[in-house]
C-alpha cells in the first residue's frame, strides 16, 4: 500500500509542478492574483490528499481505514499534512477559511459545492489545473474531478484559503 501511495505522490508532484496555470497562452484569464502560486503547506496538503485516491467512502467517515466522507477527508488531510485541526461538516469548515475568488485558488485551498440543496454541503481539496480531490458518495471512492465539469461548475458555492 505504501508503495502505491508513494508512487502516486511522486507522479502527482510531477504533474502539479508541470501545471503552469488554468488558461492556455493567448487566452484571456481573470485579473492577476496577488496570492503566491502555492504555499508549502498547500502543496503538502495536495500531495497527501493524492495518497488517498481510491479510499472507500463512508458517511461520517473520519479515517482512511474505515472510509471517508468529504469533510472527514479534509479534516484528516489537514491534520496529517499541515497540523491544522478542522472539525465539523463542510459548512463548519467553510466558516473557518478565508474567502477567495475561484480564479485565485491555489493547491491546498478548499472548494465548496451545493450538492444537497444547501450551500457548503460538499467540500474538496483543490490541487491545481482545474482539479480537486474529494470523497463523493457517488461511486464510493476518493477521486479527482474537474472544477469545470458541468455537475460541479453548476454547484460551486465558494472557495476558502487556509494558508499563505
N, C-alpha and C. Protein backbone atom coordinates (compact mmCIF):
# COMPACT_ATOMS: atom_id res chain seq x y z
N UNK A 1 0.83 -1.20 0.00
CA UNK A 1 0.00 0.00 0.00
C UNK A 1 0.87 1.26 0.00
N UNK A 2 1.96 1.25 0.82
CA UNK A 2 2.79 2.44 0.89
C UNK A 2 3.49 2.70 -0.43
N UNK A 3 3.84 1.62 -1.16
CA UNK A 3 4.50 1.81 -2.45
C UNK A 3 3.56 2.50 -3.42
N UNK A 4 2.29 2.08 -3.42
CA UNK A 4 1.30 2.70 -4.31
C UNK A 4 1.10 4.17 -3.96
N UNK A 5 1.02 4.47 -2.66
CA UNK A 5 0.84 5.85 -2.22
C UNK A 5 2.06 6.70 -2.57
N UNK A 6 3.26 6.12 -2.37
CA UNK A 6 4.48 6.85 -2.70
C UNK A 6 4.56 7.12 -4.19
N UNK A 7 4.25 6.11 -5.00
CA UNK A 7 4.29 6.26 -6.45
C UNK A 7 3.28 7.32 -6.89
N UNK A 8 2.09 7.27 -6.32
CA UNK A 8 1.05 8.23 -6.67
C UNK A 8 1.47 9.64 -6.27
N UNK A 9 2.08 9.78 -5.09
CA UNK A 9 2.53 11.10 -4.65
C UNK A 9 3.63 11.64 -5.55
N UNK A 10 4.57 10.79 -5.96
CA UNK A 10 5.65 11.24 -6.85
C UNK A 10 5.11 11.65 -8.21
N UNK A 11 4.21 10.84 -8.75
CA UNK A 11 3.60 11.16 -10.04
C UNK A 11 2.83 12.46 -9.94
N UNK A 12 2.09 12.60 -8.85
CA UNK A 12 1.28 13.81 -8.67
C UNK A 12 2.16 15.04 -8.52
N UNK A 13 3.28 14.90 -7.82
CA UNK A 13 4.19 16.04 -7.66
C UNK A 13 4.70 16.50 -9.02
N UNK A 14 5.02 15.55 -9.88
CA UNK A 14 5.47 15.90 -11.23
C UNK A 14 4.36 16.61 -12.00
N UNK A 15 3.14 16.09 -11.88
CA UNK A 15 2.01 16.71 -12.58
C UNK A 15 1.74 18.11 -12.05
N UNK A 16 1.76 18.25 -10.73
CA UNK A 16 1.49 19.57 -10.15
C UNK A 16 2.55 20.58 -10.54
N UNK A 17 3.81 20.16 -10.61
CA UNK A 17 4.86 21.10 -10.98
C UNK A 17 4.80 21.48 -12.45
N UNK A 18 4.20 20.61 -13.26
CA UNK A 18 4.10 20.87 -14.69
C UNK A 18 2.92 21.78 -15.04
N UNK A 19 1.99 21.92 -14.13
CA UNK A 19 0.79 22.71 -14.40
C UNK A 19 1.10 24.18 -14.17
N UNK A 20 1.20 24.92 -15.24
CA UNK A 20 1.55 26.33 -15.13
C UNK A 20 0.38 27.22 -14.82
N UNK A 21 -0.80 26.86 -15.23
CA UNK A 21 -1.95 27.72 -14.99
C UNK A 21 -3.20 27.13 -15.59
N UNK A 22 -4.28 27.82 -15.40
CA UNK A 22 -5.56 27.33 -15.87
C UNK A 22 -5.88 27.75 -17.30
N UNK A 23 -5.18 28.76 -17.83
CA UNK A 23 -5.53 29.30 -19.12
C UNK A 23 -4.37 29.14 -20.10
N UNK A 24 -4.63 28.57 -21.26
CA UNK A 24 -3.57 28.45 -22.26
C UNK A 24 -3.08 29.82 -22.70
N UNK A 25 -1.84 29.87 -23.19
CA UNK A 25 -1.26 31.12 -23.66
C UNK A 25 -2.15 31.73 -24.73
N UNK A 26 -2.37 33.02 -24.65
CA UNK A 26 -3.16 33.71 -25.66
C UNK A 26 -4.62 33.86 -25.28
N UNK A 27 -5.12 33.08 -24.32
CA UNK A 27 -6.50 33.23 -23.90
C UNK A 27 -6.56 34.18 -22.71
N UNK A 28 -7.54 35.06 -22.70
CA UNK A 28 -7.65 35.96 -21.56
C UNK A 28 -8.09 35.19 -20.32
N UNK A 29 -7.57 35.56 -19.21
CA UNK A 29 -7.95 34.94 -17.95
C UNK A 29 -8.40 36.02 -16.99
N UNK A 30 -8.64 35.64 -15.73
CA UNK A 30 -9.04 36.63 -14.74
C UNK A 30 -7.87 37.56 -14.42
N UNK A 31 -8.18 38.64 -13.76
CA UNK A 31 -7.14 39.58 -13.35
C UNK A 31 -6.10 38.85 -12.51
N UNK A 32 -4.84 39.23 -12.65
CA UNK A 32 -3.78 38.55 -11.90
C UNK A 32 -4.04 38.61 -10.40
N UNK A 33 -3.68 37.56 -9.73
CA UNK A 33 -3.86 37.47 -8.30
C UNK A 33 -2.64 37.99 -7.57
N UNK A 34 -2.84 38.47 -6.36
CA UNK A 34 -1.72 38.88 -5.54
C UNK A 34 -1.27 37.73 -4.65
N UNK A 35 -1.98 36.62 -4.67
CA UNK A 35 -1.59 35.46 -3.88
C UNK A 35 -0.41 34.76 -4.53
N UNK A 36 0.48 34.19 -3.72
CA UNK A 36 1.57 33.40 -4.30
C UNK A 36 1.00 32.18 -5.02
N UNK A 37 1.77 31.61 -5.93
CA UNK A 37 1.30 30.45 -6.71
C UNK A 37 0.83 29.32 -5.83
N UNK A 38 1.59 28.99 -4.81
CA UNK A 38 1.20 27.93 -3.87
C UNK A 38 2.05 28.07 -2.63
N UNK A 39 1.48 27.74 -1.50
CA UNK A 39 2.24 27.75 -0.26
C UNK A 39 2.81 26.35 -0.03
N UNK A 40 3.83 26.27 0.80
CA UNK A 40 4.43 24.97 1.12
C UNK A 40 3.38 24.06 1.76
N UNK A 41 2.58 24.59 2.68
CA UNK A 41 1.55 23.77 3.33
C UNK A 41 0.47 23.35 2.33
N UNK A 42 0.12 24.24 1.43
CA UNK A 42 -0.86 23.90 0.41
C UNK A 42 -0.39 22.75 -0.47
N UNK A 43 0.88 22.78 -0.83
CA UNK A 43 1.44 21.67 -1.63
C UNK A 43 1.44 20.37 -0.83
N UNK A 44 1.80 20.45 0.45
CA UNK A 44 1.81 19.26 1.30
C UNK A 44 0.41 18.65 1.40
N UNK A 45 -0.57 19.51 1.61
CA UNK A 45 -1.97 19.05 1.70
C UNK A 45 -2.38 18.36 0.40
N UNK A 46 -2.06 18.97 -0.73
CA UNK A 46 -2.42 18.40 -2.02
C UNK A 46 -1.77 17.03 -2.23
N UNK A 47 -0.50 16.95 -1.95
CA UNK A 47 0.22 15.68 -2.14
C UNK A 47 -0.30 14.60 -1.20
N UNK A 48 -0.57 14.96 0.04
CA UNK A 48 -1.09 13.99 0.99
C UNK A 48 -2.45 13.47 0.54
N UNK A 49 -3.29 14.39 0.07
CA UNK A 49 -4.62 14.00 -0.40
C UNK A 49 -4.54 13.04 -1.58
N UNK A 50 -3.56 13.24 -2.45
CA UNK A 50 -3.40 12.34 -3.60
C UNK A 50 -3.16 10.90 -3.16
N UNK A 51 -2.54 10.72 -2.02
CA UNK A 51 -2.31 9.38 -1.49
C UNK A 51 -3.58 8.68 -1.04
N UNK A 52 -4.69 9.40 -0.97
CA UNK A 52 -5.96 8.81 -0.54
C UNK A 52 -6.86 8.40 -1.71
N UNK A 53 -6.40 8.61 -2.93
CA UNK A 53 -7.19 8.23 -4.11
C UNK A 53 -7.61 6.77 -3.98
N UNK A 54 -8.84 6.50 -4.29
CA UNK A 54 -9.46 5.17 -4.23
C UNK A 54 -9.81 4.69 -2.82
N UNK A 55 -9.59 5.52 -1.81
CA UNK A 55 -10.05 5.17 -0.46
C UNK A 55 -11.57 5.11 -0.48
N UNK A 56 -12.14 4.15 0.21
CA UNK A 56 -13.59 3.97 0.21
C UNK A 56 -14.33 5.11 0.89
N UNK A 57 -15.56 5.34 0.43
CA UNK A 57 -16.44 6.35 1.01
C UNK A 57 -17.24 5.72 2.15
N UNK A 58 -17.43 6.49 3.21
CA UNK A 58 -18.33 6.11 4.29
C UNK A 58 -18.89 7.38 4.91
N UNK A 59 -20.20 7.50 4.95
CA UNK A 59 -20.83 8.67 5.55
C UNK A 59 -20.36 8.79 6.99
N UNK A 60 -19.88 9.98 7.35
CA UNK A 60 -19.37 10.22 8.70
C UNK A 60 -17.95 9.70 8.91
N UNK A 61 -17.35 9.12 7.87
CA UNK A 61 -16.01 8.54 7.99
C UNK A 61 -14.94 9.58 8.22
N UNK A 62 -14.04 9.30 9.15
CA UNK A 62 -13.01 10.27 9.53
C UNK A 62 -11.59 9.74 9.34
N UNK A 63 -11.43 8.48 8.91
CA UNK A 63 -10.08 7.95 8.68
C UNK A 63 -10.11 6.98 7.51
N UNK A 64 -8.98 6.85 6.82
CA UNK A 64 -8.95 6.03 5.60
C UNK A 64 -9.24 4.54 5.84
N UNK A 65 -8.89 4.03 7.00
CA UNK A 65 -9.12 2.61 7.27
C UNK A 65 -10.61 2.27 7.31
N UNK A 66 -11.40 3.17 7.86
CA UNK A 66 -12.84 2.93 7.99
C UNK A 66 -13.62 3.50 6.81
N UNK A 67 -13.00 4.41 6.06
CA UNK A 67 -13.68 5.11 4.97
C UNK A 67 -13.83 6.58 5.31
N UNK A 68 -13.98 7.40 4.29
CA UNK A 68 -14.03 8.85 4.47
C UNK A 68 -15.23 9.45 3.77
N UNK A 69 -15.82 10.46 4.39
CA UNK A 69 -16.75 11.31 3.65
C UNK A 69 -15.99 12.60 3.31
N UNK A 70 -16.64 13.54 2.67
CA UNK A 70 -15.90 14.72 2.18
C UNK A 70 -15.27 15.53 3.30
N UNK A 71 -16.03 15.84 4.34
CA UNK A 71 -15.46 16.64 5.43
C UNK A 71 -14.46 15.82 6.24
N UNK A 72 -14.70 14.52 6.39
CA UNK A 72 -13.74 13.66 7.08
C UNK A 72 -12.42 13.60 6.36
N UNK A 73 -12.46 13.54 5.03
CA UNK A 73 -11.24 13.52 4.24
C UNK A 73 -10.46 14.82 4.45
N UNK A 74 -11.15 15.96 4.37
CA UNK A 74 -10.49 17.25 4.52
C UNK A 74 -9.89 17.39 5.92
N UNK A 75 -10.64 17.07 6.96
CA UNK A 75 -10.10 17.21 8.32
C UNK A 75 -8.92 16.28 8.54
N UNK A 76 -9.00 15.06 8.01
CA UNK A 76 -7.90 14.11 8.15
C UNK A 76 -6.65 14.62 7.44
N UNK A 77 -6.78 15.06 6.21
CA UNK A 77 -5.64 15.54 5.43
C UNK A 77 -5.03 16.78 6.06
N UNK A 78 -5.83 17.74 6.45
CA UNK A 78 -5.30 18.98 7.04
C UNK A 78 -4.57 18.69 8.35
N UNK A 79 -5.09 17.76 9.14
CA UNK A 79 -4.44 17.40 10.41
C UNK A 79 -3.10 16.69 10.14
N UNK A 80 -3.11 15.71 9.25
CA UNK A 80 -1.91 14.91 8.98
C UNK A 80 -0.83 15.70 8.24
N UNK A 81 -1.23 16.45 7.22
CA UNK A 81 -0.25 17.11 6.35
C UNK A 81 0.15 18.50 6.82
N UNK A 82 -0.74 19.19 7.53
CA UNK A 82 -0.46 20.58 7.89
C UNK A 82 -0.54 20.86 9.39
N UNK A 83 -0.98 19.86 10.17
CA UNK A 83 -1.12 20.06 11.60
C UNK A 83 -2.24 21.02 11.97
N UNK A 84 -3.17 21.22 11.05
CA UNK A 84 -4.29 22.14 11.27
C UNK A 84 -5.52 21.33 11.65
N UNK A 85 -6.12 21.66 12.78
CA UNK A 85 -7.28 20.93 13.26
C UNK A 85 -8.56 21.61 12.80
N UNK A 86 -9.23 20.98 11.86
CA UNK A 86 -10.55 21.41 11.41
C UNK A 86 -11.55 20.40 11.95
N UNK A 87 -12.78 20.80 12.09
CA UNK A 87 -13.79 19.84 12.55
C UNK A 87 -15.16 20.24 12.02
N UNK A 88 -16.07 19.31 12.12
CA UNK A 88 -17.44 19.56 11.71
C UNK A 88 -17.69 19.17 10.27
N UNK A 89 -18.85 19.58 9.78
CA UNK A 89 -19.23 19.28 8.41
C UNK A 89 -18.65 20.32 7.45
N UNK A 90 -18.98 20.20 6.19
CA UNK A 90 -18.43 21.12 5.18
C UNK A 90 -18.76 22.57 5.50
N UNK A 91 -19.97 22.86 5.95
CA UNK A 91 -20.35 24.24 6.27
C UNK A 91 -19.53 24.78 7.44
N UNK A 92 -19.28 23.94 8.45
CA UNK A 92 -18.46 24.35 9.59
C UNK A 92 -17.03 24.67 9.14
N UNK A 93 -16.50 23.83 8.26
CA UNK A 93 -15.14 24.04 7.76
C UNK A 93 -15.07 25.33 6.95
N UNK A 94 -16.10 25.61 6.16
CA UNK A 94 -16.13 26.82 5.34
C UNK A 94 -16.07 28.08 6.20
N UNK A 95 -16.70 28.07 7.36
CA UNK A 95 -16.70 29.24 8.24
C UNK A 95 -15.31 29.61 8.73
N UNK A 96 -14.40 28.63 8.80
CA UNK A 96 -13.05 28.88 9.34
C UNK A 96 -12.08 29.41 8.29
N UNK A 97 -12.40 29.27 7.02
CA UNK A 97 -11.47 29.68 5.97
C UNK A 97 -11.63 31.14 5.56
N UNK A 98 -10.64 31.63 4.84
CA UNK A 98 -10.67 32.99 4.30
C UNK A 98 -11.27 32.95 2.90
N UNK A 99 -12.35 33.68 2.64
CA UNK A 99 -12.96 33.66 1.30
C UNK A 99 -11.99 34.14 0.23
N UNK A 100 -11.95 33.44 -0.87
CA UNK A 100 -11.14 33.83 -2.03
C UNK A 100 -11.96 33.62 -3.29
N UNK A 101 -11.54 34.28 -4.37
CA UNK A 101 -12.21 34.07 -5.66
C UNK A 101 -11.80 32.72 -6.23
N UNK A 102 -12.68 32.14 -6.99
CA UNK A 102 -12.36 30.86 -7.63
C UNK A 102 -11.10 30.98 -8.49
N UNK A 103 -10.95 32.09 -9.18
CA UNK A 103 -9.79 32.31 -10.03
C UNK A 103 -8.49 32.40 -9.24
N UNK A 104 -8.58 32.66 -7.94
CA UNK A 104 -7.39 32.79 -7.10
C UNK A 104 -7.03 31.50 -6.35
N UNK A 105 -7.73 30.41 -6.64
CA UNK A 105 -7.48 29.16 -5.92
C UNK A 105 -6.08 28.63 -6.23
N UNK A 106 -5.45 28.11 -5.18
CA UNK A 106 -4.13 27.50 -5.25
C UNK A 106 -4.19 26.11 -4.62
N UNK A 107 -3.23 25.25 -4.92
CA UNK A 107 -3.22 23.92 -4.28
C UNK A 107 -3.33 24.03 -2.76
N UNK A 108 -4.21 23.21 -2.20
CA UNK A 108 -4.45 23.22 -0.76
C UNK A 108 -5.66 24.03 -0.34
N UNK A 109 -6.17 24.88 -1.22
CA UNK A 109 -7.41 25.62 -0.92
C UNK A 109 -8.58 24.65 -0.99
N UNK A 110 -9.69 25.04 -0.41
CA UNK A 110 -10.88 24.18 -0.42
C UNK A 110 -11.96 24.76 -1.33
N UNK A 111 -12.59 23.86 -2.06
CA UNK A 111 -13.72 24.21 -2.93
C UNK A 111 -14.99 23.65 -2.28
N UNK A 112 -16.01 24.48 -2.21
CA UNK A 112 -17.28 24.09 -1.60
C UNK A 112 -18.38 24.09 -2.64
N UNK A 113 -19.29 23.13 -2.52
CA UNK A 113 -20.34 22.94 -3.51
C UNK A 113 -21.69 22.77 -2.82
N UNK A 114 -22.73 23.09 -3.57
CA UNK A 114 -24.11 22.91 -3.14
C UNK A 114 -24.61 21.63 -3.82
N UNK A 115 -24.46 20.50 -3.16
CA UNK A 115 -24.86 19.22 -3.76
C UNK A 115 -26.13 18.64 -3.14
N UNK A 116 -26.62 19.26 -2.09
CA UNK A 116 -27.82 18.74 -1.41
C UNK A 116 -28.83 19.84 -1.15
N UNK A 117 -28.94 20.74 -2.10
CA UNK A 117 -29.84 21.89 -1.96
C UNK A 117 -29.49 22.75 -0.76
N UNK A 118 -28.21 22.80 -0.44
CA UNK A 118 -27.73 23.65 0.65
C UNK A 118 -26.30 24.08 0.33
N UNK A 119 -26.02 25.37 0.41
CA UNK A 119 -24.64 25.82 0.18
C UNK A 119 -23.69 25.11 1.15
N UNK A 120 -22.48 24.87 0.72
CA UNK A 120 -21.46 24.26 1.56
C UNK A 120 -21.83 22.86 2.03
N UNK A 121 -22.50 22.09 1.18
CA UNK A 121 -22.85 20.72 1.56
C UNK A 121 -21.83 19.69 1.09
N UNK A 122 -20.84 20.12 0.31
CA UNK A 122 -19.77 19.23 -0.14
C UNK A 122 -18.48 20.03 -0.23
N UNK A 123 -17.35 19.37 0.06
CA UNK A 123 -16.06 20.05 0.04
C UNK A 123 -15.01 19.15 -0.58
N UNK A 124 -14.06 19.79 -1.27
CA UNK A 124 -12.92 19.07 -1.84
C UNK A 124 -11.68 19.93 -1.75
N UNK A 125 -10.52 19.31 -1.94
CA UNK A 125 -9.23 19.99 -1.87
C UNK A 125 -8.75 20.29 -3.28
N UNK A 126 -8.54 21.56 -3.57
CA UNK A 126 -8.07 21.97 -4.88
C UNK A 126 -6.60 21.58 -5.03
N UNK A 127 -6.24 20.96 -6.18
CA UNK A 127 -4.85 20.53 -6.38
C UNK A 127 -4.19 21.25 -7.55
N UNK A 128 -4.91 22.15 -8.19
CA UNK A 128 -4.36 22.90 -9.32
C UNK A 128 -4.88 22.38 -10.64
N UNK A 129 -4.64 23.15 -11.69
CA UNK A 129 -5.02 22.78 -13.05
C UNK A 129 -6.51 22.41 -13.16
N UNK A 130 -7.37 23.17 -12.47
CA UNK A 130 -8.82 22.99 -12.53
C UNK A 130 -9.28 21.66 -11.92
N UNK A 131 -8.48 21.05 -11.05
CA UNK A 131 -8.82 19.74 -10.47
C UNK A 131 -8.90 19.81 -8.96
N UNK A 132 -9.74 18.95 -8.40
CA UNK A 132 -9.86 18.85 -6.95
C UNK A 132 -10.06 17.39 -6.56
N UNK A 133 -9.64 17.07 -5.34
CA UNK A 133 -9.80 15.72 -4.78
C UNK A 133 -10.93 15.80 -3.77
N UNK A 134 -11.80 14.79 -3.82
CA UNK A 134 -12.91 14.79 -2.87
C UNK A 134 -13.40 13.37 -2.65
N UNK A 135 -14.27 13.23 -1.67
CA UNK A 135 -14.86 11.94 -1.32
C UNK A 135 -16.36 12.01 -1.58
N UNK A 136 -16.78 11.81 -2.83
CA UNK A 136 -18.21 11.86 -3.14
C UNK A 136 -18.89 10.55 -2.75
N UNK A 137 -20.16 10.65 -2.41
CA UNK A 137 -20.89 9.42 -2.08
C UNK A 137 -21.16 8.60 -3.34
N UNK A 138 -21.25 9.25 -4.50
CA UNK A 138 -21.45 8.51 -5.74
C UNK A 138 -20.14 7.83 -6.13
N UNK A 139 -20.22 6.63 -6.57
CA UNK A 139 -19.07 5.79 -6.94
C UNK A 139 -18.24 5.34 -5.75
N UNK A 140 -18.51 5.85 -4.57
CA UNK A 140 -17.96 5.32 -3.34
C UNK A 140 -16.46 5.34 -3.14
N UNK A 141 -15.73 6.26 -3.78
CA UNK A 141 -14.27 6.31 -3.65
C UNK A 141 -13.77 7.75 -3.72
N UNK A 142 -12.67 8.02 -3.02
CA UNK A 142 -11.98 9.31 -3.14
C UNK A 142 -11.45 9.39 -4.56
N UNK A 143 -11.67 10.53 -5.20
CA UNK A 143 -11.25 10.66 -6.60
C UNK A 143 -10.96 12.12 -6.94
N UNK A 144 -10.43 12.31 -8.15
CA UNK A 144 -10.16 13.64 -8.69
C UNK A 144 -11.23 13.97 -9.71
N UNK A 145 -11.74 15.18 -9.66
CA UNK A 145 -12.67 15.69 -10.67
C UNK A 145 -12.24 17.08 -11.09
N UNK A 146 -12.80 17.54 -12.19
CA UNK A 146 -12.51 18.89 -12.69
C UNK A 146 -13.54 19.86 -12.13
N UNK A 147 -13.06 21.02 -11.76
CA UNK A 147 -13.95 22.08 -11.28
C UNK A 147 -14.90 22.50 -12.40
N UNK A 148 -14.44 22.43 -13.63
CA UNK A 148 -15.24 22.86 -14.77
C UNK A 148 -16.21 21.79 -15.28
N UNK A 149 -16.16 20.59 -14.70
CA UNK A 149 -17.13 19.56 -15.09
C UNK A 149 -18.53 20.12 -14.82
N UNK A 150 -19.43 19.87 -15.72
CA UNK A 150 -20.76 20.51 -15.65
C UNK A 150 -21.41 20.38 -14.27
N UNK A 151 -21.41 19.19 -13.71
CA UNK A 151 -22.04 18.96 -12.40
C UNK A 151 -21.46 19.88 -11.34
N UNK A 152 -20.14 19.96 -11.24
CA UNK A 152 -19.50 20.75 -10.19
C UNK A 152 -19.52 22.24 -10.51
N UNK A 153 -19.35 22.61 -11.76
CA UNK A 153 -19.39 24.03 -12.13
C UNK A 153 -20.75 24.63 -11.78
N UNK A 154 -21.82 23.89 -11.99
CA UNK A 154 -23.16 24.39 -11.69
C UNK A 154 -23.43 24.47 -10.19
N UNK A 155 -22.69 23.72 -9.40
CA UNK A 155 -22.95 23.64 -7.96
C UNK A 155 -21.88 24.32 -7.10
N UNK A 156 -20.89 24.94 -7.73
CA UNK A 156 -19.83 25.61 -6.98
C UNK A 156 -20.43 26.70 -6.09
N UNK A 157 -20.08 26.69 -4.80
CA UNK A 157 -20.58 27.69 -3.84
C UNK A 157 -19.53 28.73 -3.51
N UNK A 158 -18.32 28.29 -3.18
CA UNK A 158 -17.29 29.22 -2.72
C UNK A 158 -15.95 28.51 -2.62
N UNK A 159 -14.92 29.32 -2.47
CA UNK A 159 -13.57 28.82 -2.22
C UNK A 159 -13.05 29.46 -0.94
N UNK A 160 -12.24 28.71 -0.23
CA UNK A 160 -11.66 29.20 1.02
C UNK A 160 -10.18 28.85 1.05
N UNK A 161 -9.38 29.78 1.59
CA UNK A 161 -7.95 29.56 1.79
C UNK A 161 -7.69 29.40 3.29
N UNK A 162 -6.71 28.57 3.60
CA UNK A 162 -6.34 28.31 4.99
C UNK A 162 -4.85 28.56 5.23
N UNK A 163 -4.11 28.81 4.14
CA UNK A 163 -2.66 29.04 4.23
C UNK A 163 -2.31 30.31 3.48
N UNK A 164 -1.13 30.80 3.60
CA UNK A 164 -0.46 31.92 2.92
C UNK A 164 0.20 32.80 3.91
